Amino acid sequence: MTLLVVASSHEAFSDDFEMRLAVGNKALSSPEGQTYEQSLSPAIQSAMMRCLPPASRYTGQFAFIGNVLRSGKVISVEVRPIDDISQCFAERIKESTLPVPPLPSEGIEAFPITIEMNIIP
């Protein structure tokens, strides 16, 4: 099974979801964001391992958006499209404590993240 994290837009998403996806992608495109995105790999892998059995024949794509607080807690979680795997992934990430995000100042409370998955067995 191959898991790819890709950046793309999906017409079926709501305008609010699309806006949050764009904001998260922009935040992760900065040098600090790219480093932070790499630090998320263990949490992403762990979540997918819990949601998708190794012998699974599931194929699909979904996008995850959320905001990471200074504590590493993930809030304001959404996934699209919604299915059993994307919902499971969202719950596992929400339960995780992620690395401290690169917040630029005390006035910013959360760092937006996006995770776009393309699952190919």
PDB file of N, CA and C in Angstrom:
ATOM      1  N   MET A   1       0.841  -1.161   0.000  1.00  0.00           N
ATOM      2  CA  MET A   1       0.000   0.000   0.000  1.00  0.00           C
ATOM      3  C   MET A   1       0.893   1.233   0.000  1.00  0.00           C
ATOM      4  N   THR A   2       0.491   2.237  -0.752  1.00  0.00           N
ATOM      5  CA  THR A   2       1.242   3.478  -0.832  1.00  0.00           C
ATOM      6  C   THR A   2       0.357   4.612  -0.346  1.00  0.00           C
ATOM      7  N   LEU A   3       0.878   5.447   0.528  1.00  0.00           N
ATOM      8  CA  LEU A   3       0.168   6.628   0.997  1.00  0.00           C
ATOM      9  C   LEU A   3       0.900   7.845   0.464  1.00  0.00           C
ATOM     10  N   LEU A   4       0.161   8.702  -0.198  1.00  0.00           N
ATOM     11  CA  LEU A   4       0.759   9.920  -0.726  1.00  0.00           C
ATOM     12  C   LEU A   4       0.077  11.111  -0.098  1.00  0.00           C
ATOM     13  N   VAL A   5       0.839  12.105   0.278  1.00  0.00           N
ATOM     14  CA  VAL A   5       0.278  13.367   0.731  1.00  0.00           C
ATOM     15  C   VAL A   5       0.421  14.309  -0.454  1.00  0.00           C
ATOM     16  N   VAL A   6      -0.711  14.766  -0.974  1.00  0.00           N
ATOM     17  CA  VAL A   6      -0.693  15.597  -2.171  1.00  0.00           C
ATOM     18  C   VAL A   6      -1.462  16.883  -1.935  1.00  0.00           C
ATOM     19  N   ALA A   7      -1.125  17.882  -2.694  1.00  0.00           N
ATOM     20  CA  ALA A   7      -1.847  19.153  -2.620  1.00  0.00           C
ATOM     21  C   ALA A   7      -2.672  19.292  -3.889  1.00  0.00           C
ATOM     22  N   SER A   8      -3.968  19.399  -3.721  1.00  0.00           N
ATOM     23  CA  SER A   8      -4.853  19.611  -4.860  1.00  0.00           C
ATOM     24  C   SER A   8      -6.159  20.184  -4.350  1.00  0.00           C
ATOM     25  N   SER A   9      -6.977  20.683  -5.266  1.00  0.00           N
ATOM     26  CA  SER A   9      -8.263  21.221  -4.863  1.00  0.00           C
ATOM     27  C   SER A   9      -9.361  20.288  -5.349  1.00  0.00           C
ATOM     28  N   HIS A  10     -10.450  20.235  -4.607  1.00  0.00           N
ATOM     29  CA  HIS A  10     -11.559  19.348  -4.938  1.00  0.00           C
ATOM     30  C   HIS A  10     -12.824  20.193  -5.040  1.00  0.00           C
ATOM     31  N   GLU A  11     -13.472  20.199  -6.208  1.00  0.00           N
ATOM     32  CA  GLU A  11     -14.631  21.044  -6.442  1.00  0.00           C
ATOM     33  C   GLU A  11     -15.801  20.717  -5.521  1.00  0.00           C
ATOM     34  N   ALA A  12     -15.877  19.482  -5.029  1.00  0.00           N
ATOM     35  CA  ALA A  12     -17.020  19.078  -4.213  1.00  0.00           C
ATOM     36  C   ALA A  12     -16.996  19.685  -2.811  1.00  0.00           C
ATOM     37  N   PHE A  13     -15.900  20.310  -2.402  1.00  0.00           N
ATOM     38  CA  PHE A  13     -15.799  20.857  -1.053  1.00  0.00           C
ATOM     39  C   PHE A  13     -16.531  22.187  -0.950  1.00  0.00           C
ATOM     40  N   SER A  14     -17.028  22.487   0.230  1.00  0.00           N
ATOM     41  CA  SER A  14     -17.703  23.763   0.447  1.00  0.00           C
ATOM     42  C   SER A  14     -16.701  24.907   0.363  1.00  0.00           C
ATOM     43  N   ASP A  15     -17.232  26.109   0.180  1.00  0.00           N
ATOM     44  CA  ASP A  15     -16.369  27.287   0.087  1.00  0.00           C
ATOM     45  C   ASP A  15     -15.545  27.475   1.357  1.00  0.00           C
ATOM     46  N   ASP A  16     -16.164  27.264   2.536  1.00  0.00           N
ATOM     47  CA  ASP A  16     -15.434  27.415   3.793  1.00  0.00           C
ATOM     48  C   ASP A  16     -14.316  26.383   3.893  1.00  0.00           C
ATOM     49  N   PHE A  17     -14.607  25.165   3.523  1.00  0.00           N
ATOM     50  CA  PHE A  17     -13.593  24.118   3.558  1.00  0.00           C
ATOM     51  C   PHE A  17     -12.466  24.471   2.593  1.00  0.00           C
ATOM     52  N   GLU A  18     -12.830  24.899   1.393  1.00  0.00           N
ATOM     53  CA  GLU A  18     -11.827  25.289   0.391  1.00  0.00           C
ATOM     54  C   GLU A  18     -10.960  26.440   0.902  1.00  0.00           C
ATOM     55  N   MET A  19     -11.579  27.429   1.558  1.00  0.00           N
ATOM     56  CA  MET A  19     -10.825  28.561   2.093  1.00  0.00           C
ATOM     57  C   MET A  19      -9.845  28.081   3.167  1.00  0.00           C
ATOM     58  N   ARG A  20     -10.315  27.232   4.072  1.00  0.00           N
ATOM     59  CA  ARG A  20      -9.439  26.711   5.127  1.00  0.00           C
ATOM     60  C   ARG A  20      -8.329  25.847   4.543  1.00  0.00           C
ATOM     61  N   LEU A  21      -8.644  25.094   3.495  1.00  0.00           N
ATOM     62  CA  LEU A  21      -7.639  24.276   2.821  1.00  0.00           C
ATOM     63  C   LEU A  21      -6.551  25.165   2.222  1.00  0.00           C
ATOM     64  N   ALA A  22      -6.957  26.247   1.596  1.00  0.00           N
ATOM     65  CA  ALA A  22      -5.993  27.178   0.994  1.00  0.00           C
ATOM     66  C   ALA A  22      -5.134  27.846   2.062  1.00  0.00           C
ATOM     67  N   VAL A  23      -5.742  28.240   3.171  1.00  0.00           N
ATOM     68  CA  VAL A  23      -4.989  28.872   4.271  1.00  0.00           C
ATOM     69  C   VAL A  23      -3.974  27.886   4.845  1.00  0.00           C
ATOM     70  N   GLY A  24      -4.397  26.644   5.065  1.00  0.00           N
ATOM     71  CA  GLY A  24      -3.488  25.626   5.592  1.00  0.00           C
ATOM     72  C   GLY A  24      -2.351  25.323   4.635  1.00  0.00           C
ATOM     73  N   ASN A  25      -2.668  25.202   3.348  1.00  0.00           N
ATOM     74  CA  ASN A  25      -1.621  24.946   2.351  1.00  0.00           C
ATOM     75  C   ASN A  25      -0.618  26.093   2.312  1.00  0.00           C
ATOM     76  N   LYS A  26      -1.114  27.322   2.417  1.00  0.00           N
ATOM     77  CA  LYS A  26      -0.215  28.482   2.414  1.00  0.00           C
ATOM     78  C   LYS A  26       0.691  28.463   3.647  1.00  0.00           C
ATOM     79  N   ALA A  27       0.126  28.167   4.802  1.00  0.00           N
ATOM     80  CA  ALA A  27       0.922  28.114   6.038  1.00  0.00           C
ATOM     81  C   ALA A  27       2.001  27.038   5.948  1.00  0.00           C
ATOM     82  N   LEU A  28       1.651  25.903   5.358  1.00  0.00           N
ATOM     83  CA  LEU A  28       2.614  24.804   5.256  1.00  0.00           C
ATOM     84  C   LEU A  28       3.629  25.007   4.132  1.00  0.00           C
ATOM     85  N   SER A  29       3.425  26.000   3.282  1.00  0.00           N
ATOM     86  CA  SER A  29       4.362  26.235   2.180  1.00  0.00           C
ATOM     87  C   SER A  29       5.558  27.095   2.599  1.00  0.00           C
ATOM     88  N   SER A  30       5.472  27.738   3.766  1.00  0.00           N
ATOM     89  CA  SER A  30       6.600  28.536   4.255  1.00  0.00           C
ATOM     90  C   SER A  30       7.720  27.587   4.693  1.00  0.00           C
ATOM     91  N   PRO A  31       8.955  28.067   4.797  1.00  0.00           N
ATOM     92  CA  PRO A  31      10.032  27.188   5.274  1.00  0.00           C
ATOM     93  C   PRO A  31       9.720  26.561   6.642  1.00  0.00           C
ATOM     94  N   GLU A  32       9.168  27.367   7.562  1.00  0.00           N
ATOM     95  CA  GLU A  32       8.817  26.848   8.885  1.00  0.00           C
ATOM     96  C   GLU A  32       7.687  25.817   8.773  1.00  0.00           C
ATOM     97  N   GLY A  33       6.733  26.107   7.883  1.00  0.00           N
ATOM     98  CA  GLY A  33       5.616  25.204   7.667  1.00  0.00           C
ATOM     99  C   GLY A  33       6.058  23.883   7.075  1.00  0.00           C
ATOM    100  N   GLN A  34       7.014  23.929   6.161  1.00  0.00           N
ATOM    101  CA  GLN A  34       7.520  22.699   5.555  1.00  0.00           C
ATOM    102  C   GLN A  34       8.223  21.828   6.592  1.00  0.00           C
ATOM    103  N   THR A  35       8.993  22.466   7.455  1.00  0.00           N
ATOM    104  CA  THR A  35       9.656  21.721   8.533  1.00  0.00           C
ATOM    105  C   THR A  35       8.613  21.128   9.473  1.00  0.00           C
ATOM    106  N   TYR A  36       7.593  21.923   9.792  1.00  0.00           N
ATOM    107  CA  TYR A  36       6.540  21.439  10.674  1.00  0.00           C
ATOM    108  C   TYR A  36       5.785  20.272  10.030  1.00  0.00           C
ATOM    109  N   GLU A  37       5.490  20.391   8.745  1.00  0.00           N
ATOM    110  CA  GLU A  37       4.779  19.325   8.045  1.00  0.00           C
ATOM    111  C   GLU A  37       5.551  18.006   8.131  1.00  0.00           C
ATOM    112  N   GLN A  38       6.865  18.084   7.988  1.00  0.00           N
ATOM    113  CA  GLN A  38       7.684  16.875   8.105  1.00  0.00           C
ATOM    114  C   GLN A  38       7.594  16.276   9.500  1.00  0.00           C
ATOM    115  N   SER A  39       7.478  17.133  10.512  1.00  0.00           N
ATOM    116  CA  SER A  39       7.402  16.639  11.889  1.00  0.00           C
ATOM    117  C   SER A  39       6.082  15.924  12.172  1.00  0.00           C
ATOM    118  N   LEU A  40       5.098  16.112  11.302  1.00  0.00           N
ATOM    119  CA  LEU A  40       3.796  15.477  11.489  1.00  0.00           C
ATOM    120  C   LEU A  40       3.761  14.037  10.975  1.00  0.00           C
ATOM    121  N   SER A  41       4.771  13.636  10.224  1.00  0.00           N
ATOM    122  CA  SER A  41       4.777  12.310   9.597  1.00  0.00           C
ATOM    123  C   SER A  41       4.504  11.163  10.574  1.00  0.00           C
ATOM    124  N   PRO A  42       5.139  11.118  11.753  1.00  0.00           N
ATOM    125  CA  PRO A  42       4.840   9.999  12.668  1.00  0.00           C
ATOM    126  C   PRO A  42       3.367   9.946  13.082  1.00  0.00           C
ATOM    127  N   ALA A  43       2.752  11.093  13.335  1.00  0.00           N
ATOM    128  CA  ALA A  43       1.341  11.116  13.734  1.00  0.00           C
ATOM    129  C   ALA A  43       0.445  10.686  12.577  1.00  0.00           C
ATOM    130  N   ILE A  44       0.774  11.130  11.361  1.00  0.00           N
ATOM    131  CA  ILE A  44      -0.002  10.748  10.187  1.00  0.00           C
ATOM    132  C   ILE A  44       0.091   9.242   9.965  1.00  0.00           C
ATOM    133  N   GLN A  45       1.300   8.722  10.030  1.00  0.00           N
ATOM    134  CA  GLN A  45       1.500   7.288   9.821  1.00  0.00           C
ATOM    135  C   GLN A  45       0.773   6.471  10.893  1.00  0.00           C
ATOM    136  N   SER A  46       0.884   6.891  12.139  1.00  0.00           N
ATOM    137  CA  SER A  46       0.215   6.181  13.230  1.00  0.00           C
ATOM    138  C   SER A  46      -1.297   6.183  13.039  1.00  0.00           C
ATOM    139  N   ALA A  47      -1.852   7.321  12.671  1.00  0.00           N
ATOM    140  CA  ALA A  47      -3.301   7.412  12.463  1.00  0.00           C
ATOM    141  C   ALA A  47      -3.742   6.489  11.335  1.00  0.00           C
ATOM    142  N   MET A  48      -3.009   6.494  10.233  1.00  0.00           N
ATOM    143  CA  MET A  48      -3.395   5.645   9.116  1.00  0.00           C
ATOM    144  C   MET A  48      -3.248   4.169   9.450  1.00  0.00           C
ATOM    145  N   MET A  49      -2.234   3.811  10.212  1.00  0.00           N
ATOM    146  CA  MET A  49      -2.048   2.409  10.603  1.00  0.00           C
ATOM    147  C   MET A  49      -3.224   1.929  11.460  1.00  0.00           C
ATOM    148  N   ARG A  50      -3.770   2.815  12.280  1.00  0.00           N
ATOM    149  CA  ARG A  50      -4.903   2.448  13.133  1.00  0.00           C
ATOM    150  C   ARG A  50      -6.212   2.387  12.356  1.00  0.00           C
ATOM    151  N   CYS A  51      -6.302   3.142  11.264  1.00  0.00           N
ATOM    152  CA  CYS A  51      -7.557   3.224  10.515  1.00  0.00           C
ATOM    153  C   CYS A  51      -7.625   2.302   9.309  1.00  0.00           C
ATOM    154  N   LEU A  52      -6.479   1.913   8.809  1.00  0.00           N
ATOM    155  CA  LEU A  52      -6.443   1.139   7.582  1.00  0.00           C
ATOM    156  C   LEU A  52      -5.589  -0.102   7.783  1.00  0.00           C
ATOM    157  N   PRO A  53      -6.218  -1.270   7.913  1.00  0.00           N
ATOM    158  CA  PRO A  53      -5.444  -2.500   8.119  1.00  0.00           C
ATOM    159  C   PRO A  53      -4.461  -2.731   6.972  1.00  0.00           C
ATOM    160  N   PRO A  54      -3.310  -3.345   7.250  1.00  0.00           N
ATOM    161  CA  PRO A  54      -2.290  -3.560   6.220  1.00  0.00           C
ATOM    162  C   PRO A  54      -2.798  -4.297   4.980  1.00  0.00           C
ATOM    163  N   ALA A  55      -3.719  -5.215   5.126  1.00  0.00           N
ATOM    164  CA  ALA A  55      -4.213  -5.985   3.987  1.00  0.00           C
ATOM    165  C   ALA A  55      -5.418  -5.326   3.308  1.00  0.00           C
ATOM    166  N   SER A  56      -5.742  -4.124   3.701  1.00  0.00           N
ATOM    167  CA  SER A  56      -6.914  -3.443   3.161  1.00  0.00           C
ATOM    168  C   SER A  56      -6.775  -3.187   1.666  1.00  0.00           C
ATOM    169  N   ARG A  57      -7.911  -3.269   0.982  1.00  0.00           N
ATOM    170  CA  ARG A  57      -7.939  -2.973  -0.443  1.00  0.00           C
ATOM    171  C   ARG A  57      -8.599  -1.613  -0.687  1.00  0.00           C
ATOM    172  N   TYR A  58      -8.738  -0.836   0.380  1.00  0.00           N
ATOM    173  CA  TYR A  58      -9.349   0.493   0.290  1.00  0.00           C
ATOM    174  C   TYR A  58      -8.524   1.388  -0.628  1.00  0.00           C
ATOM    175  N   THR A  59      -9.195   2.105  -1.483  1.00  0.00           N
ATOM    176  CA  THR A  59      -8.556   3.162  -2.273  1.00  0.00           C
ATOM    177  C   THR A  59      -9.421   4.408  -2.121  1.00  0.00           C
ATOM    178  N   GLY A  60      -8.795   5.527  -2.102  1.00  0.00           N
ATOM    179  CA  GLY A  60      -9.564   6.756  -2.002  1.00  0.00           C
ATOM    180  C   GLY A  60      -8.687   7.950  -1.710  1.00  0.00           C
ATOM    181  N   GLN A  61      -9.328   9.085  -1.738  1.00  0.00           N
ATOM    182  CA  GLN A  61      -8.664  10.354  -1.447  1.00  0.00           C
ATOM    183  C   GLN A  61      -9.503  11.104  -0.437  1.00  0.00           C
ATOM    184  N   PHE A  62      -8.834  11.839   0.421  1.00  0.00           N
ATOM    185  CA  PHE A  62      -9.544  12.751   1.307  1.00  0.00           C
ATOM    186  C   PHE A  62      -8.602  13.857   1.740  1.00  0.00           C
ATOM    187  N   ALA A  63      -9.205  14.926   2.178  1.00  0.00           N
ATOM    188  CA  ALA A  63      -8.439  16.064   2.684  1.00  0.00           C
ATOM    189  C   ALA A  63      -8.854  16.314   4.126  1.00  0.00           C
ATOM    190  N   PHE A  64      -7.875  16.559   4.959  1.00  0.00           N
ATOM    191  CA  PHE A  64      -8.047  16.852   6.391  1.00  0.00           C
ATOM    192  C   PHE A  64      -7.622  18.291   6.610  1.00  0.00           C
ATOM    193  N   ILE A  65      -8.396  19.034   7.383  1.00  0.00           N
ATOM    194  CA  ILE A  65      -7.974  20.364   7.820  1.00  0.00           C
ATOM    195  C   ILE A  65      -8.186  20.469   9.322  1.00  0.00           C
ATOM    196  N   GLY A  66      -7.327  21.221   9.971  1.00  0.00           N
ATOM    197  CA  GLY A  66      -7.442  21.435  11.404  1.00  0.00           C
ATOM    198  C   GLY A  66      -6.537  22.571  11.827  1.00  0.00           C
ATOM    199  N   ASN A  67      -6.634  22.935  13.072  1.00  0.00           N
ATOM    200  CA  ASN A  67      -5.791  23.979  13.654  1.00  0.00           C
ATOM    201  C   ASN A  67      -5.074  23.392  14.857  1.00  0.00           C
ATOM    202  N   VAL A  68      -3.772  23.649  14.944  1.00  0.00           N
ATOM    203  CA  VAL A  68      -2.966  23.111  16.034  1.00  0.00           C
ATOM    204  C   VAL A  68      -2.644  24.233  17.017  1.00  0.00           C
ATOM    205  N   LEU A  69      -3.050  24.027  18.270  1.00  0.00           N
ATOM    206  CA  LEU A  69      -2.766  24.995  19.328  1.00  0.00           C
ATOM    207  C   LEU A  69      -1.314  24.879  19.789  1.00  0.00           C
ATOM    208  N   ARG A  70      -0.855  25.853  20.542  1.00  0.00           N
ATOM    209  CA  ARG A  70       0.517  25.822  21.088  1.00  0.00           C
ATOM    210  C   ARG A  70       0.789  24.545  21.884  1.00  0.00           C
ATOM    211  N   SER A  71      -0.240  23.987  22.470  1.00  0.00           N
ATOM    212  CA  SER A  71      -0.110  22.764  23.266  1.00  0.00           C
ATOM    213  C   SER A  71       0.039  21.513  22.399  1.00  0.00           C
ATOM    214  N   GLY A  72      -0.197  21.641  21.090  1.00  0.00           N
ATOM    215  CA  GLY A  72      -0.174  20.486  20.203  1.00  0.00           C
ATOM    216  C   GLY A  72      -1.543  19.852  20.020  1.00  0.00           C
ATOM    217  N   LYS A  73      -2.538  20.369  20.740  1.00  0.00           N
ATOM    218  CA  LYS A  73      -3.913  19.875  20.600  1.00  0.00           C
ATOM    219  C   LYS A  73      -4.470  20.343  19.258  1.00  0.00           C
ATOM    220  N   VAL A  74      -5.196  19.444  18.587  1.00  0.00           N
ATOM    221  CA  VAL A  74      -5.779  19.755  17.281  1.00  0.00           C
ATOM    222  C   VAL A  74      -7.265  20.055  17.457  1.00  0.00           C
ATOM    223  N   ILE A  75      -7.682  21.208  16.923  1.00  0.00           N
ATOM    224  CA  ILE A  75      -9.081  21.630  17.015  1.00  0.00           C
ATOM    225  C   ILE A  75      -9.613  21.949  15.615  1.00  0.00           C
ATOM    226  N   SER A  76     -10.900  22.200  15.534  1.00  0.00           N
ATOM    227  CA  SER A  76     -11.563  22.617  14.290  1.00  0.00           C
ATOM    228  C   SER A  76     -11.269  21.656  13.138  1.00  0.00           C
ATOM    229  N   VAL A  77     -11.436  20.380  13.413  1.00  0.00           N
ATOM    230  CA  VAL A  77     -11.111  19.325  12.459  1.00  0.00           C
ATOM    231  C   VAL A  77     -12.268  19.100  11.484  1.00  0.00           C
ATOM    232  N   GLU A  78     -11.910  18.955  10.207  1.00  0.00           N
ATOM    233  CA  GLU A  78     -12.865  18.581   9.165  1.00  0.00           C
ATOM    234  C   GLU A  78     -12.157  17.684   8.161  1.00  0.00           C
ATOM    235  N   VAL A  79     -12.903  16.783   7.549  1.00  0.00           N
ATOM    236  CA  VAL A  79     -12.395  15.973   6.429  1.00  0.00           C
ATOM    237  C   VAL A  79     -13.443  15.977   5.327  1.00  0.00           C
ATOM    238  N   ARG A  80     -12.971  15.849   4.108  1.00  0.00           N
ATOM    239  CA  ARG A  80     -13.846  15.725   2.944  1.00  0.00           C
ATOM    240  C   ARG A  80     -13.163  14.851   1.917  1.00  0.00           C
ATOM    241  N   PRO A  81     -13.819  14.025   1.204  1.00  0.00           N
ATOM    242  CA  PRO A  81     -15.158  13.544   1.515  1.00  0.00           C
ATOM    243  C   PRO A  81     -15.141  12.722   2.805  1.00  0.00           C
ATOM    244  N   ILE A  82     -16.317  12.575   3.361  1.00  0.00           N
ATOM    245  CA  ILE A  82     -16.453  11.842   4.618  1.00  0.00           C
ATOM    246  C   ILE A  82     -16.772  10.380   4.324  1.00  0.00           C
ATOM    247  N   ASP A  83     -15.949   9.500   4.846  1.00  0.00           N
ATOM    248  CA  ASP A  83     -16.220   8.060   4.823  1.00  0.00           C
ATOM    249  C   ASP A  83     -15.619   7.473   6.092  1.00  0.00           C
ATOM    250  N   ASP A  84     -15.706   6.165   6.271  1.00  0.00           N
ATOM    251  CA  ASP A  84     -15.216   5.537   7.503  1.00  0.00           C
ATOM    252  C   ASP A  84     -13.728   5.801   7.723  1.00  0.00           C
ATOM    253  N   ILE A  85     -12.932   5.731   6.652  1.00  0.00           N
ATOM    254  CA  ILE A  85     -11.480   5.902   6.790  1.00  0.00           C
ATOM    255  C   ILE A  85     -11.137   7.359   7.096  1.00  0.00           C
ATOM    256  N   SER A  86     -11.729   8.295   6.377  1.00  0.00           N
ATOM    257  CA  SER A  86     -11.403   9.709   6.629  1.00  0.00           C
ATOM    258  C   SER A  86     -11.865  10.141   8.021  1.00  0.00           C
ATOM    259  N   GLN A  87     -13.027   9.652   8.453  1.00  0.00           N
ATOM    260  CA  GLN A  87     -13.508   9.983   9.800  1.00  0.00           C
ATOM    261  C   GLN A  87     -12.591   9.383  10.869  1.00  0.00           C
ATOM    262  N   CYS A  88     -12.170   8.147  10.659  1.00  0.00           N
ATOM    263  CA  CYS A  88     -11.254   7.506  11.598  1.00  0.00           C
ATOM    264  C   CYS A  88      -9.961   8.304  11.678  1.00  0.00           C
ATOM    265  N   PHE A  89      -9.413   8.672  10.521  1.00  0.00           N
ATOM    266  CA  PHE A  89      -8.170   9.440  10.480  1.00  0.00           C
ATOM    267  C   PHE A  89      -8.330  10.765  11.238  1.00  0.00           C
ATOM    268  N   ALA A  90      -9.425  11.457  10.992  1.00  0.00           N
ATOM    269  CA  ALA A  90      -9.669  12.734  11.672  1.00  0.00           C
ATOM    270  C   ALA A  90      -9.711  12.547  13.186  1.00  0.00           C
ATOM    271  N   GLU A  91     -10.385  11.513  13.638  1.00  0.00           N
ATOM    272  CA  GLU A  91     -10.469  11.255  15.085  1.00  0.00           C
ATOM    273  C   GLU A  91      -9.095  10.923  15.673  1.00  0.00           C
ATOM    274  N   ARG A  92      -8.314  10.107  14.980  1.00  0.00           N
ATOM    275  CA  ARG A  92      -6.979   9.745  15.489  1.00  0.00           C
ATOM    276  C   ARG A  92      -6.072  10.978  15.565  1.00  0.00           C
ATOM    277  N   ILE A  93      -6.110  11.842  14.559  1.00  0.00           N
ATOM    278  CA  ILE A  93      -5.287  13.055  14.602  1.00  0.00           C
ATOM    279  C   ILE A  93      -5.785  13.985  15.708  1.00  0.00           C
ATOM    280  N   LYS A  94      -7.088  14.096  15.843  1.00  0.00           N
ATOM    281  CA  LYS A  94      -7.659  14.950  16.890  1.00  0.00           C
ATOM    282  C   LYS A  94      -7.270  14.468  18.288  1.00  0.00           C
ATOM    283  N   GLU A  95      -7.145  13.155  18.460  1.00  0.00           N
ATOM    284  CA  GLU A  95      -6.745  12.577  19.750  1.00  0.00           C
ATOM    285  C   GLU A  95      -5.245  12.750  20.017  1.00  0.00           C
ATOM    286  N   SER A  96      -4.480  12.991  18.974  1.00  0.00           N
ATOM    287  CA  SER A  96      -3.018  13.089  19.091  1.00  0.00           C
ATOM    288  C   SER A  96      -2.595  14.421  19.698  1.00  0.00           C
ATOM    289  N   THR A  97      -1.423  14.411  20.276  1.00  0.00           N
ATOM    290  CA  THR A  97      -0.766  15.668  20.632  1.00  0.00           C
ATOM    291  C   THR A  97       0.355  15.833  19.620  1.00  0.00           C
ATOM    292  N   LEU A  98       0.206  16.822  18.765  1.00  0.00           N
ATOM    293  CA  LEU A  98       1.180  17.058  17.706  1.00  0.00           C
ATOM    294  C   LEU A  98       2.327  17.917  18.224  1.00  0.00           C
ATOM    295  N   PRO A  99       3.425  17.958  17.477  1.00  0.00           N
ATOM    296  CA  PRO A  99       4.529  18.848  17.868  1.00  0.00           C
ATOM    297  C   PRO A  99       4.042  20.297  17.952  1.00  0.00           C
ATOM    298  N   VAL A 100       4.742  21.085  18.736  1.00  0.00           N
ATOM    299  CA  VAL A 100       4.405  22.504  18.881  1.00  0.00           C
ATOM    300  C   VAL A 100       4.545  23.177  17.517  1.00  0.00           C
ATOM    301  N   PRO A 101       3.488  23.865  17.077  1.00  0.00           N
ATOM    302  CA  PRO A 101       3.538  24.481  15.746  1.00  0.00           C
ATOM    303  C   PRO A 101       4.364  25.775  15.734  1.00  0.00           C
ATOM    304  N   PRO A 102       4.784  26.189  14.544  1.00  0.00           N
ATOM    305  CA  PRO A 102       5.581  27.412  14.408  1.00  0.00           C
ATOM    306  C   PRO A 102       4.702  28.660  14.404  1.00  0.00           C
ATOM    307  N   LEU A 103       4.199  29.031  15.566  1.00  0.00           N
ATOM    308  CA  LEU A 103       3.362  30.224  15.662  1.00  0.00           C
ATOM    309  C   LEU A 103       4.256  31.455  15.773  1.00  0.00           C
ATOM    310  N   PRO A 104       4.007  32.468  14.950  1.00  0.00           N
ATOM    311  CA  PRO A 104       4.903  33.618  14.881  1.00  0.00           C
ATOM    312  C   PRO A 104       4.860  34.567  16.070  1.00  0.00           C
ATOM    313  N   SER A 105       3.723  34.638  16.762  1.00  0.00           N
ATOM    314  CA  SER A 105       3.637  35.590  17.872  1.00  0.00           C
ATOM    315  C   SER A 105       2.612  35.114  18.888  1.00  0.00           C
ATOM    316  N   GLU A 106       2.605  35.769  20.022  1.00  0.00           N
ATOM    317  CA  GLU A 106       1.646  35.406  21.070  1.00  0.00           C
ATOM    318  C   GLU A 106       0.212  35.693  20.659  1.00  0.00           C
ATOM    319  N   GLY A 107       0.005  36.587  19.692  1.00  0.00           N
ATOM    320  CA  GLY A 107      -1.342  36.941  19.266  1.00  0.00           C
ATOM    321  C   GLY A 107      -2.008  35.881  18.398  1.00  0.00           C
ATOM    322  N   ILE A 108      -1.247  34.954  17.881  1.00  0.00           N
ATOM    323  CA  ILE A 108      -1.783  33.892  17.034  1.00  0.00           C
ATOM    324  C   ILE A 108      -1.970  32.654  17.908  1.00  0.00           C
ATOM    325  N   GLU A 109      -3.187  32.141  17.946  1.00  0.00           N
ATOM    326  CA  GLU A 109      -3.508  31.037  18.852  1.00  0.00           C
ATOM    327  C   GLU A 109      -3.334  29.651  18.261  1.00  0.00           C
ATOM    328  N   ALA A 110      -3.431  29.524  16.922  1.00  0.00           N
ATOM    329  CA  ALA A 110      -3.392  28.192  16.313  1.00  0.00           C
ATOM    330  C   ALA A 110      -2.751  28.264  14.933  1.00  0.00           C
ATOM    331  N   PHE A 111      -2.176  27.140  14.535  1.00  0.00           N
ATOM    332  CA  PHE A 111      -1.522  27.012  13.235  1.00  0.00           C
ATOM    333  C   PHE A 111      -2.385  26.098  12.361  1.00  0.00           C
ATOM    334  N   PRO A 112      -2.796  26.569  11.168  1.00  0.00           N
ATOM    335  CA  PRO A 112      -3.636  25.735  10.305  1.00  0.00           C
ATOM    336  C   PRO A 112      -2.816  24.657   9.602  1.00  0.00           C
ATOM    337  N   ILE A 113      -3.375  23.451   9.555  1.00  0.00           N
ATOM    338  CA  ILE A 113      -2.702  22.375   8.824  1.00  0.00           C
ATOM    339  C   ILE A 113      -3.679  21.727   7.856  1.00  0.00           C
ATOM    340  N   THR A 114      -3.127  21.178   6.794  1.00  0.00           N
ATOM    341  CA  THR A 114      -3.887  20.381   5.842  1.00  0.00           C
ATOM    342  C   THR A 114      -3.112  19.097   5.598  1.00  0.00           C
ATOM    343  N   ILE A 115      -3.841  18.040   5.433  1.00  0.00           N
ATOM    344  CA  ILE A 115      -3.241  16.758   5.076  1.00  0.00           C
ATOM    345  C   ILE A 115      -4.138  16.187   3.976  1.00  0.00           C
ATOM    346  N   GLU A 116      -3.586  16.042   2.811  1.00  0.00           N
ATOM    347  CA  GLU A 116      -4.355  15.497   1.695  1.00  0.00           C
ATOM    348  C   GLU A 116      -3.817  14.112   1.372  1.00  0.00           C
ATOM    349  N   MET A 117      -4.703  13.137   1.490  1.00  0.00           N
ATOM    350  CA  MET A 117      -4.302  11.747   1.340  1.00  0.00           C
ATOM    351  C   MET A 117      -4.821  11.165   0.030  1.00  0.00           C
ATOM    352  N   ASN A 118      -3.973  10.396  -0.611  1.00  0.00           N
ATOM    353  CA  ASN A 118      -4.330   9.609  -1.787  1.00  0.00           C
ATOM    354  C   ASN A 118      -3.876   8.186  -1.479  1.00  0.00           C
ATOM    355  N   ILE A 119      -4.821   7.308  -1.216  1.00  0.00           N
ATOM    356  CA  ILE A 119      -4.491   5.953  -0.758  1.00  0.00           C
ATOM    357  C   ILE A 119      -4.618   4.985  -1.926  1.00  0.00           C
ATOM    358  N   ILE A 120      -3.509   4.329  -2.220  1.00  0.00           N
ATOM    359  CA  ILE A 120      -3.430   3.375  -3.328  1.00  0.00           C
ATOM    360  C   ILE A 120      -2.885   2.053  -2.779  1.00  0.00           C
ATOM    361  N   PRO A 121      -3.664   0.949  -2.904  1.00  0.00           N
ATOM    362  CA  PRO A 121      -3.149  -0.332  -2.366  1.00  0.00           C
ATOM    363  C   PRO A 121      -1.985  -0.867  -3.194  1.00  0.00           C
TER     364      PRO A 121
END
